PDB file of all heavy atoms in Angstrom:
ATOM      1  N   GLU A   1     106.447  58.621 151.061  1.00  0.00           N
ATOM      2  CA  GLU A   1     106.148  58.715 152.478  1.00  0.00           C
ATOM      3  C   GLU A   1     105.650  57.363 152.965  1.00  0.00           C
ATOM      4  O   GLU A   1     105.105  56.568 152.190  1.00  0.00           O
ATOM      5  CB  GLU A   1     105.086  59.790 152.744  1.00  0.00           C
ATOM      6  CG  GLU A   1     105.479  61.185 152.298  1.00  0.00           C
ATOM      7  CD  GLU A   1     106.626  61.752 153.112  1.00  0.00           C
ATOM      8  OE1 GLU A   1     106.770  61.345 154.269  1.00  0.00           O
ATOM      9  OE2 GLU A   1     107.374  62.613 152.590  1.00  0.00           O
ATOM     10  N   VAL A   2     105.828  57.117 154.223  1.00  0.00           N
ATOM     11  CA  VAL A   2     105.304  55.889 154.812  1.00  0.00           C
ATOM     12  C   VAL A   2     103.954  56.190 155.453  1.00  0.00           C
ATOM     13  O   VAL A   2     103.708  57.292 155.940  1.00  0.00           O
ATOM     14  CB  VAL A   2     106.273  55.301 155.860  1.00  0.00           C
ATOM     15  CG1 VAL A   2     107.578  54.915 155.221  1.00  0.00           C
ATOM     16  CG2 VAL A   2     106.491  56.264 157.004  1.00  0.00           C
ATOM     17  N   GLU A   3     103.086  55.217 155.383  1.00  0.00           N
ATOM     18  CA  GLU A   3     101.750  55.382 155.942  1.00  0.00           C
ATOM     19  C   GLU A   3     101.835  55.458 157.457  1.00  0.00           C
ATOM     20  O   GLU A   3     102.392  54.570 158.101  1.00  0.00           O
ATOM     21  CB  GLU A   3     100.859  54.204 155.530  1.00  0.00           C
ATOM     22  CG  GLU A   3      99.426  54.302 155.988  1.00  0.00           C
ATOM     23  CD  GLU A   3      98.663  55.375 155.242  1.00  0.00           C
ATOM     24  OE1 GLU A   3      99.131  55.834 154.193  1.00  0.00           O
ATOM     25  OE2 GLU A   3      97.586  55.749 155.732  1.00  0.00           O
ATOM     26  N   PRO A   4     101.301  56.503 158.069  1.00  0.00           N
ATOM     27  CA  PRO A   4     101.366  56.600 159.529  1.00  0.00           C
ATOM     28  C   PRO A   4     100.546  55.512 160.207  1.00  0.00           C
ATOM     29  O   PRO A   4      99.556  55.018 159.661  1.00  0.00           O
ATOM     30  CB  PRO A   4     100.797  57.990 159.816  1.00  0.00           C
ATOM     31  CG  PRO A   4     100.019  58.353 158.619  1.00  0.00           C
ATOM     32  CD  PRO A   4     100.642  57.656 157.454  1.00  0.00           C
ATOM     33  N   ILE A   5     100.982  55.121 161.385  1.00  0.00           N
ATOM     34  CA  ILE A   5     100.320  54.089 162.172  1.00  0.00           C
ATOM     35  C   ILE A   5      99.799  54.736 163.450  1.00  0.00           C
ATOM     36  O   ILE A   5     100.561  55.386 164.166  1.00  0.00           O
ATOM     37  CB  ILE A   5     101.281  52.938 162.512  1.00  0.00           C
ATOM     38  CG1 ILE A   5     101.752  52.245 161.237  1.00  0.00           C
ATOM     39  CG2 ILE A   5     100.623  51.927 163.426  1.00  0.00           C
ATOM     40  CD1 ILE A   5     102.786  51.193 161.475  1.00  0.00           C
ATOM     41  N   PRO A   6      98.531  54.569 163.742  1.00  0.00           N
ATOM     42  CA  PRO A   6      98.002  55.157 164.983  1.00  0.00           C
ATOM     43  C   PRO A   6      98.505  54.397 166.200  1.00  0.00           C
ATOM     44  O   PRO A   6      97.941  53.378 166.586  1.00  0.00           O
ATOM     45  CB  PRO A   6      96.484  55.021 164.812  1.00  0.00           C
ATOM     46  CG  PRO A   6      96.303  53.868 163.885  1.00  0.00           C
ATOM     47  CD  PRO A   6      97.487  53.882 162.952  1.00  0.00           C
ATOM     48  N   VAL A   7      99.567  54.887 166.794  1.00  0.00           N
ATOM     49  CA  VAL A   7     100.141  54.248 167.980  1.00  0.00           C
ATOM     50  C   VAL A   7      99.778  55.105 169.187  1.00  0.00           C
ATOM     51  O   VAL A   7     100.323  56.198 169.358  1.00  0.00           O
ATOM     52  CB  VAL A   7     101.673  54.120 167.858  1.00  0.00           C
ATOM     53  CG1 VAL A   7     102.247  53.451 169.095  1.00  0.00           C
ATOM     54  CG2 VAL A   7     102.024  53.323 166.611  1.00  0.00           C
ATOM     55  N   PRO A   8      98.853  54.657 170.018  1.00  0.00           N
ATOM     56  CA  PRO A   8      98.498  55.440 171.201  1.00  0.00           C
ATOM     57  C   PRO A   8      99.598  55.378 172.239  1.00  0.00           C
ATOM     58  O   PRO A   8     100.547  54.588 172.132  1.00  0.00           O
ATOM     59  CB  PRO A   8      97.210  54.759 171.694  1.00  0.00           C
ATOM     60  CG  PRO A   8      97.342  53.342 171.228  1.00  0.00           C
ATOM     61  CD  PRO A   8      98.091  53.406 169.921  1.00  0.00           C
ATOM     62  N   ASP A   9      99.479  56.202 173.241  1.00  0.00           N
ATOM     63  CA  ASP A   9     100.447  56.173 174.333  1.00  0.00           C
ATOM     64  C   ASP A   9     100.376  54.823 175.023  1.00  0.00           C
ATOM     65  O   ASP A   9      99.287  54.277 175.249  1.00  0.00           O
ATOM     66  CB  ASP A   9     100.155  57.294 175.335  1.00  0.00           C
ATOM     67  CG  ASP A   9     100.422  58.669 174.727  1.00  0.00           C
ATOM     68  OD1 ASP A   9     101.171  58.709 173.733  1.00  0.00           O
ATOM     69  OD2 ASP A   9      99.873  59.656 175.230  1.00  0.00           O
ATOM     70  N   PRO A  10     101.509  54.252 175.372  1.00  0.00           N
ATOM     71  CA  PRO A  10     101.511  52.910 175.966  1.00  0.00           C
ATOM     72  C   PRO A  10     100.803  52.872 177.307  1.00  0.00           C
ATOM     73  O   PRO A  10     100.803  53.830 178.067  1.00  0.00           O
ATOM     74  CB  PRO A  10     103.008  52.595 176.115  1.00  0.00           C
ATOM     75  CG  PRO A  10     103.698  53.540 175.197  1.00  0.00           C
ATOM     76  CD  PRO A  10     102.852  54.764 175.144  1.00  0.00           C
ATOM     77  N   ALA A  11     100.175  51.733 177.576  1.00  0.00           N
ATOM     78  CA  ALA A  11      99.603  51.466 178.898  1.00  0.00           C
ATOM     79  C   ALA A  11     100.566  50.553 179.631  1.00  0.00           C
ATOM     80  O   ALA A  11     101.008  49.529 179.083  1.00  0.00           O
ATOM     81  CB  ALA A  11      98.232  50.801 178.761  1.00  0.00           C
ATOM     82  N   PHE A  12     100.882  50.866 180.864  1.00  0.00           N
ATOM     83  CA  PHE A  12     101.945  50.162 181.561  1.00  0.00           C
ATOM     84  C   PHE A  12     101.390  49.144 182.549  1.00  0.00           C
ATOM     85  O   PHE A  12     101.766  49.097 183.715  1.00  0.00           O
ATOM     86  CB  PHE A  12     102.851  51.161 182.290  1.00  0.00           C
ATOM     87  CG  PHE A  12     103.541  52.094 181.344  1.00  0.00           C
ATOM     88  CD1 PHE A  12     103.118  53.393 181.186  1.00  0.00           C
ATOM     89  CD2 PHE A  12     104.598  51.648 180.572  1.00  0.00           C
ATOM     90  CE1 PHE A  12     103.748  54.248 180.311  1.00  0.00           C
ATOM     91  CE2 PHE A  12     105.227  52.494 179.685  1.00  0.00           C
ATOM     92  CZ  PHE A  12     104.807  53.799 179.546  1.00  0.00           C
ATOM     93  N   ASP A  13     100.458  48.334 182.086  1.00  0.00           N
ATOM     94  CA  ASP A  13     100.009  47.219 182.918  1.00  0.00           C
ATOM     95  C   ASP A  13     101.049  46.120 182.854  1.00  0.00           C
ATOM     96  O   ASP A  13     101.934  46.100 182.001  1.00  0.00           O
ATOM     97  CB  ASP A  13      98.656  46.702 182.413  1.00  0.00           C
ATOM     98  CG  ASP A  13      97.587  47.783 182.488  1.00  0.00           C
ATOM     99  OD1 ASP A  13      97.706  48.639 183.383  1.00  0.00           O
ATOM    100  OD2 ASP A  13      96.666  47.765 181.645  1.00  0.00           O
ATOM    101  N   ASN A  14     100.961  45.164 183.771  1.00  0.00           N
ATOM    102  CA  ASN A  14     101.869  44.027 183.736  1.00  0.00           C
ATOM    103  C   ASN A  14     101.667  43.261 182.438  1.00  0.00           C
ATOM    104  O   ASN A  14     100.531  43.120 181.947  1.00  0.00           O
ATOM    105  CB  ASN A  14     101.628  43.116 184.941  1.00  0.00           C
ATOM    106  CG  ASN A  14     102.060  43.765 186.245  1.00  0.00           C
ATOM    107  OD1 ASN A  14     102.972  44.599 186.257  1.00  0.00           O
ATOM    108  ND2 ASN A  14     101.392  43.415 187.336  1.00  0.00           N
ATOM    109  N   TYR A  15     102.775  42.748 181.896  1.00  0.00           N
ATOM    110  CA  TYR A  15     102.690  42.070 180.601  1.00  0.00           C
ATOM    111  C   TYR A  15     101.804  40.837 180.673  1.00  0.00           C
ATOM    112  O   TYR A  15     101.182  40.453 179.695  1.00  0.00           O
ATOM    113  CB  TYR A  15     104.090  41.704 180.115  1.00  0.00           C
ATOM    114  CG  TYR A  15     104.051  41.093 178.744  1.00  0.00           C
ATOM    115  CD1 TYR A  15     103.749  41.859 177.627  1.00  0.00           C
ATOM    116  CD2 TYR A  15     104.289  39.732 178.572  1.00  0.00           C
ATOM    117  CE1 TYR A  15     103.693  41.308 176.370  1.00  0.00           C
ATOM    118  CE2 TYR A  15     104.235  39.173 177.311  1.00  0.00           C
ATOM    119  CZ  TYR A  15     103.943  39.958 176.213  1.00  0.00           C
ATOM    120  OH  TYR A  15     103.882  39.406 174.972  1.00  0.00           O
ATOM    121  N   GLY A  16     101.749  40.192 181.809  1.00  0.00           N
ATOM    122  CA  GLY A  16     100.849  39.049 181.958  1.00  0.00           C
ATOM    123  C   GLY A  16     101.529  37.710 181.798  1.00  0.00           C
ATOM    124  O   GLY A  16     100.864  36.672 181.876  1.00  0.00           O
ATOM    125  N   ALA A  17     102.808  37.684 181.567  1.00  0.00           N
ATOM    126  CA  ALA A  17     103.539  36.423 181.415  1.00  0.00           C
ATOM    127  C   ALA A  17     104.974  36.634 181.860  1.00  0.00           C
ATOM    128  O   ALA A  17     105.566  37.685 181.593  1.00  0.00           O
ATOM    129  CB  ALA A  17     103.494  35.927 179.974  1.00  0.00           C
ATOM    130  N   THR A  18     105.513  35.656 182.555  1.00  0.00           N
ATOM    131  CA  THR A  18     106.902  35.724 182.984  1.00  0.00           C
ATOM    132  C   THR A  18     107.805  35.308 181.843  1.00  0.00           C
ATOM    133  O   THR A  18     107.354  34.800 180.805  1.00  0.00           O
ATOM    134  CB  THR A  18     107.126  34.816 184.202  1.00  0.00           C
ATOM    135  OG1 THR A  18     106.892  33.449 183.802  1.00  0.00           O
ATOM    136  CG2 THR A  18     106.179  35.178 185.340  1.00  0.00           C
ATOM    137  N   THR A  19     109.094  35.517 182.027  1.00  0.00           N
ATOM    138  CA  THR A  19     110.047  35.109 180.989  1.00  0.00           C
ATOM    139  C   THR A  19     110.002  33.607 180.760  1.00  0.00           C
ATOM    140  O   THR A  19     110.134  33.142 179.621  1.00  0.00           O
ATOM    141  CB  THR A  19     111.467  35.531 181.395  1.00  0.00           C
ATOM    142  OG1 THR A  19     111.768  34.997 182.690  1.00  0.00           O
ATOM    143  CG2 THR A  19     111.592  37.042 181.429  1.00  0.00           C
ATOM    144  N   GLN A  20     109.803  32.828 181.827  1.00  0.00           N
ATOM    145  CA  GLN A  20     109.729  31.375 181.676  1.00  0.00           C
ATOM    146  C   GLN A  20     108.497  30.978 180.889  1.00  0.00           C
ATOM    147  O   GLN A  20     108.563  30.088 180.026  1.00  0.00           O
ATOM    148  CB  GLN A  20     109.718  30.701 183.059  1.00  0.00           C
ATOM    149  CG  GLN A  20     109.672  29.178 183.011  1.00  0.00           C
ATOM    150  CD  GLN A  20     110.905  28.581 182.334  1.00  0.00           C
ATOM    151  OE1 GLN A  20     111.988  29.154 182.371  1.00  0.00           O
ATOM    152  NE2 GLN A  20     110.727  27.429 181.720  1.00  0.00           N
ATOM    153  N   GLN A  21     107.371  31.628 181.157  1.00  0.00           N
ATOM    154  CA  GLN A  21     106.148  31.322 180.418  1.00  0.00           C
ATOM    155  C   GLN A  21     106.297  31.706 178.947  1.00  0.00           C
ATOM    156  O   GLN A  21     105.865  30.959 178.056  1.00  0.00           O
ATOM    157  CB  GLN A  21     104.964  32.063 181.053  1.00  0.00           C
ATOM    158  CG  GLN A  21     104.583  31.540 182.429  1.00  0.00           C
ATOM    159  CD  GLN A  21     103.538  32.409 183.105  1.00  0.00           C
ATOM    160  OE1 GLN A  21     103.411  33.602 182.809  1.00  0.00           O
ATOM    161  NE2 GLN A  21     102.780  31.827 184.026  1.00  0.00           N
ATOM    162  N   VAL A  22     106.892  32.842 178.705  1.00  0.00           N
ATOM    163  CA  VAL A  22     107.119  33.258 177.316  1.00  0.00           C
ATOM    164  C   VAL A  22     108.051  32.281 176.617  1.00  0.00           C
ATOM    165  O   VAL A  22     107.836  31.897 175.455  1.00  0.00           O
ATOM    166  CB  VAL A  22     107.689  34.684 177.266  1.00  0.00           C
ATOM    167  CG1 VAL A  22     108.047  35.073 175.828  1.00  0.00           C
ATOM    168  CG2 VAL A  22     106.692  35.683 177.834  1.00  0.00           C
ATOM    169  N   TYR A  23     109.082  31.839 177.320  1.00  0.00           N
ATOM    170  CA  TYR A  23     110.049  30.908 176.741  1.00  0.00           C
ATOM    171  C   TYR A  23     109.391  29.573 176.410  1.00  0.00           C
ATOM    172  O   TYR A  23     109.618  29.009 175.329  1.00  0.00           O
ATOM    173  CB  TYR A  23     111.205  30.706 177.718  1.00  0.00           C
ATOM    174  CG  TYR A  23     112.143  29.589 177.341  1.00  0.00           C
ATOM    175  CD1 TYR A  23     113.028  29.727 176.274  1.00  0.00           C
ATOM    176  CD2 TYR A  23     112.131  28.380 178.041  1.00  0.00           C
ATOM    177  CE1 TYR A  23     113.882  28.696 175.917  1.00  0.00           C
ATOM    178  CE2 TYR A  23     112.981  27.346 177.691  1.00  0.00           C
ATOM    179  CZ  TYR A  23     113.857  27.509 176.626  1.00  0.00           C
ATOM    180  OH  TYR A  23     114.690  26.479 176.282  1.00  0.00           O
ATOM    181  N   GLU A  24     108.590  29.061 177.326  1.00  0.00           N
ATOM    182  CA  GLU A  24     107.931  27.774 177.083  1.00  0.00           C
ATOM    183  C   GLU A  24     106.969  27.861 175.899  1.00  0.00           C
ATOM    184  O   GLU A  24     106.840  26.910 175.124  1.00  0.00           O
ATOM    185  CB  GLU A  24     107.181  27.339 178.345  1.00  0.00           C
ATOM    186  CG  GLU A  24     108.117  26.942 179.499  1.00  0.00           C
ATOM    187  CD  GLU A  24     107.361  26.620 180.769  1.00  0.00           C
ATOM    188  OE1 GLU A  24     106.118  26.790 180.779  1.00  0.00           O
ATOM    189  OE2 GLU A  24     108.001  26.197 181.760  1.00  0.00           O
ATOM    190  N   THR A  25     106.299  28.989 175.768  1.00  0.00           N
ATOM    191  CA  THR A  25     105.410  29.159 174.616  1.00  0.00           C
ATOM    192  C   THR A  25     106.201  29.286 173.315  1.00  0.00           C
ATOM    193  O   THR A  25     105.858  28.677 172.301  1.00  0.00           O
ATOM    194  CB  THR A  25     104.523  30.397 174.809  1.00  0.00           C
ATOM    195  OG1 THR A  25     103.765  30.256 176.009  1.00  0.00           O
ATOM    196  CG2 THR A  25     103.567  30.579 173.630  1.00  0.00           C
ATOM    197  N   ALA A  26     107.269  30.059 173.358  1.00  0.00           N
ATOM    198  CA  ALA A  26     108.037  30.328 172.147  1.00  0.00           C
ATOM    199  C   ALA A  26     108.702  29.084 171.588  1.00  0.00           C
ATOM    200  O   ALA A  26     108.684  28.854 170.373  1.00  0.00           O
ATOM    201  CB  ALA A  26     109.083  31.402 172.424  1.00  0.00           C
ATOM    202  N   GLN A  27     109.281  28.265 172.473  1.00  0.00           N
ATOM    203  CA  GLN A  27     109.999  27.092 171.960  1.00  0.00           C
ATOM    204  C   GLN A  27     109.054  26.040 171.394  1.00  0.00           C
ATOM    205  O   GLN A  27     109.496  25.106 170.715  1.00  0.00           O
ATOM    206  CB  GLN A  27     110.861  26.484 173.070  1.00  0.00           C
ATOM    207  CG  GLN A  27     110.093  25.787 174.172  1.00  0.00           C
ATOM    208  CD  GLN A  27     111.008  25.035 175.130  1.00  0.00           C
ATOM    209  OE1 GLN A  27     112.166  24.803 174.815  1.00  0.00           O
ATOM    210  NE2 GLN A  27     110.487  24.652 176.278  1.00  0.00           N
ATOM    211  N   GLY A  28     107.763  26.202 171.657  1.00  0.00           N
ATOM    212  CA  GLY A  28     106.806  25.250 171.104  1.00  0.00           C
ATOM    213  C   GLY A  28     106.359  25.561 169.695  1.00  0.00           C
ATOM    214  O   GLY A  28     105.801  24.685 169.020  1.00  0.00           O
ATOM    215  N   PHE A  29     106.587  26.788 169.208  1.00  0.00           N
ATOM    216  CA  PHE A  29     106.094  27.126 167.876  1.00  0.00           C
ATOM    217  C   PHE A  29     107.132  27.827 167.007  1.00  0.00           C
ATOM    218  O   PHE A  29     106.975  27.871 165.779  1.00  0.00           O
ATOM    219  CB  PHE A  29     104.853  28.023 167.980  1.00  0.00           C
ATOM    220  CG  PHE A  29     105.145  29.475 168.211  1.00  0.00           C
ATOM    221  CD1 PHE A  29     105.268  30.354 167.153  1.00  0.00           C
ATOM    222  CD2 PHE A  29     105.328  29.971 169.495  1.00  0.00           C
ATOM    223  CE1 PHE A  29     105.548  31.694 167.363  1.00  0.00           C
ATOM    224  CE2 PHE A  29     105.597  31.296 169.718  1.00  0.00           C
ATOM    225  CZ  PHE A  29     105.706  32.170 168.643  1.00  0.00           C
ATOM    226  N   LEU A  30     108.179  28.406 167.598  1.00  0.00           N
ATOM    227  CA  LEU A  30     109.141  29.146 166.786  1.00  0.00           C
ATOM    228  C   LEU A  30     109.831  28.218 165.783  1.00  0.00           C
ATOM    229  O   LEU A  30     110.327  27.162 166.156  1.00  0.00           O
ATOM    230  CB  LEU A  30     110.185  29.820 167.672  1.00  0.00           C
ATOM    231  CG  LEU A  30     109.826  31.190 168.227  1.00  0.00           C
ATOM    232  CD1 LEU A  30     110.994  31.765 169.002  1.00  0.00           C
ATOM    233  CD2 LEU A  30     109.404  32.150 167.137  1.00  0.00           C
ATOM    234  N   PRO A  31     109.885  28.597 164.510  1.00  0.00           N
ATOM    235  CA  PRO A  31     110.509  27.729 163.505  1.00  0.00           C
ATOM    236  C   PRO A  31     112.001  27.533 163.725  1.00  0.00           C
ATOM    237  O   PRO A  31     112.545  26.523 163.287  1.00  0.00           O
ATOM    238  CB  PRO A  31     110.219  28.453 162.185  1.00  0.00           C
ATOM    239  CG  PRO A  31     109.935  29.860 162.564  1.00  0.00           C
ATOM    240  CD  PRO A  31     109.305  29.818 163.910  1.00  0.00           C
ATOM    241  N   ASP A  32     112.669  28.499 164.390  1.00  0.00           N
ATOM    242  CA  ASP A  32     114.097  28.324 164.652  1.00  0.00           C
ATOM    243  C   ASP A  32     114.350  27.075 165.481  1.00  0.00           C
ATOM    244  O   ASP A  32     115.224  26.244 165.151  1.00  0.00           O
ATOM    245  CB  ASP A  32     114.650  29.546 165.388  1.00  0.00           C
ATOM    246  CG  ASP A  32     114.247  30.856 164.749  1.00  0.00           C
ATOM    247  OD1 ASP A  32     113.029  31.160 164.770  1.00  0.00           O
ATOM    248  OD2 ASP A  32     115.116  31.573 164.254  1.00  0.00           O
ATOM    249  N   VAL A  33     113.573  26.920 166.563  1.00  0.00           N
ATOM    250  CA  VAL A  33     113.748  25.768 167.448  1.00  0.00           C
ATOM    251  C   VAL A  33     113.283  24.492 166.759  1.00  0.00           C
ATOM    252  O   VAL A  33     113.933  23.437 166.854  1.00  0.00           O
ATOM    253  CB  VAL A  33     112.980  25.987 168.761  1.00  0.00           C
ATOM    254  CG1 VAL A  33     113.101  24.779 169.678  1.00  0.00           C
ATOM    255  CG2 VAL A  33     113.481  27.238 169.472  1.00  0.00           C
ATOM    256  N   LYS A  34     112.154  24.559 166.058  1.00  0.00           N
ATOM    257  CA  LYS A  34     111.652  23.378 165.360  1.00  0.00           C
ATOM    258  C   LYS A  34     112.657  22.888 164.316  1.00  0.00           C
ATOM    259  O   LYS A  34     112.866  21.679 164.160  1.00  0.00           O
ATOM    260  CB  LYS A  34     110.318  23.691 164.694  1.00  0.00           C
ATOM    261  CG  LYS A  34     109.148  23.740 165.659  1.00  0.00           C
ATOM    262  CD  LYS A  34     107.838  23.847 164.899  1.00  0.00           C
ATOM    263  CE  LYS A  34     106.652  23.741 165.829  1.00  0.00           C
ATOM    264  NZ  LYS A  34     105.367  23.787 165.105  1.00  0.00           N
ATOM    265  N   ALA A  35     113.255  23.831 163.584  1.00  0.00           N
ATOM    266  CA  ALA A  35     114.239  23.448 162.567  1.00  0.00           C
ATOM    267  C   ALA A  35     115.425  22.738 163.203  1.00  0.00           C
ATOM    268  O   ALA A  35     115.925  21.732 162.669  1.00  0.00           O
ATOM    269  CB  ALA A  35     114.714  24.682 161.799  1.00  0.00           C
ATOM    270  N   ALA A  36     115.892  23.232 164.357  1.00  0.00           N
ATOM    271  CA  ALA A  36     117.027  22.599 165.037  1.00  0.00           C
ATOM    272  C   ALA A  36     116.654  21.205 165.536  1.00  0.00           C
ATOM    273  O   ALA A  36     117.444  20.260 165.417  1.00  0.00           O
ATOM    274  CB  ALA A  36     117.487  23.479 166.197  1.00  0.00           C
TER     275      ALA A  36
END
């Protein structure tokens, strides 16, 4: 059996970051981009 994970019901607040903000953060640390 797999160990159950306590996942509560999701809260639907705004994520807090736009796609552009997420993209700018991701390309600064993701190893895929760094490797390229």
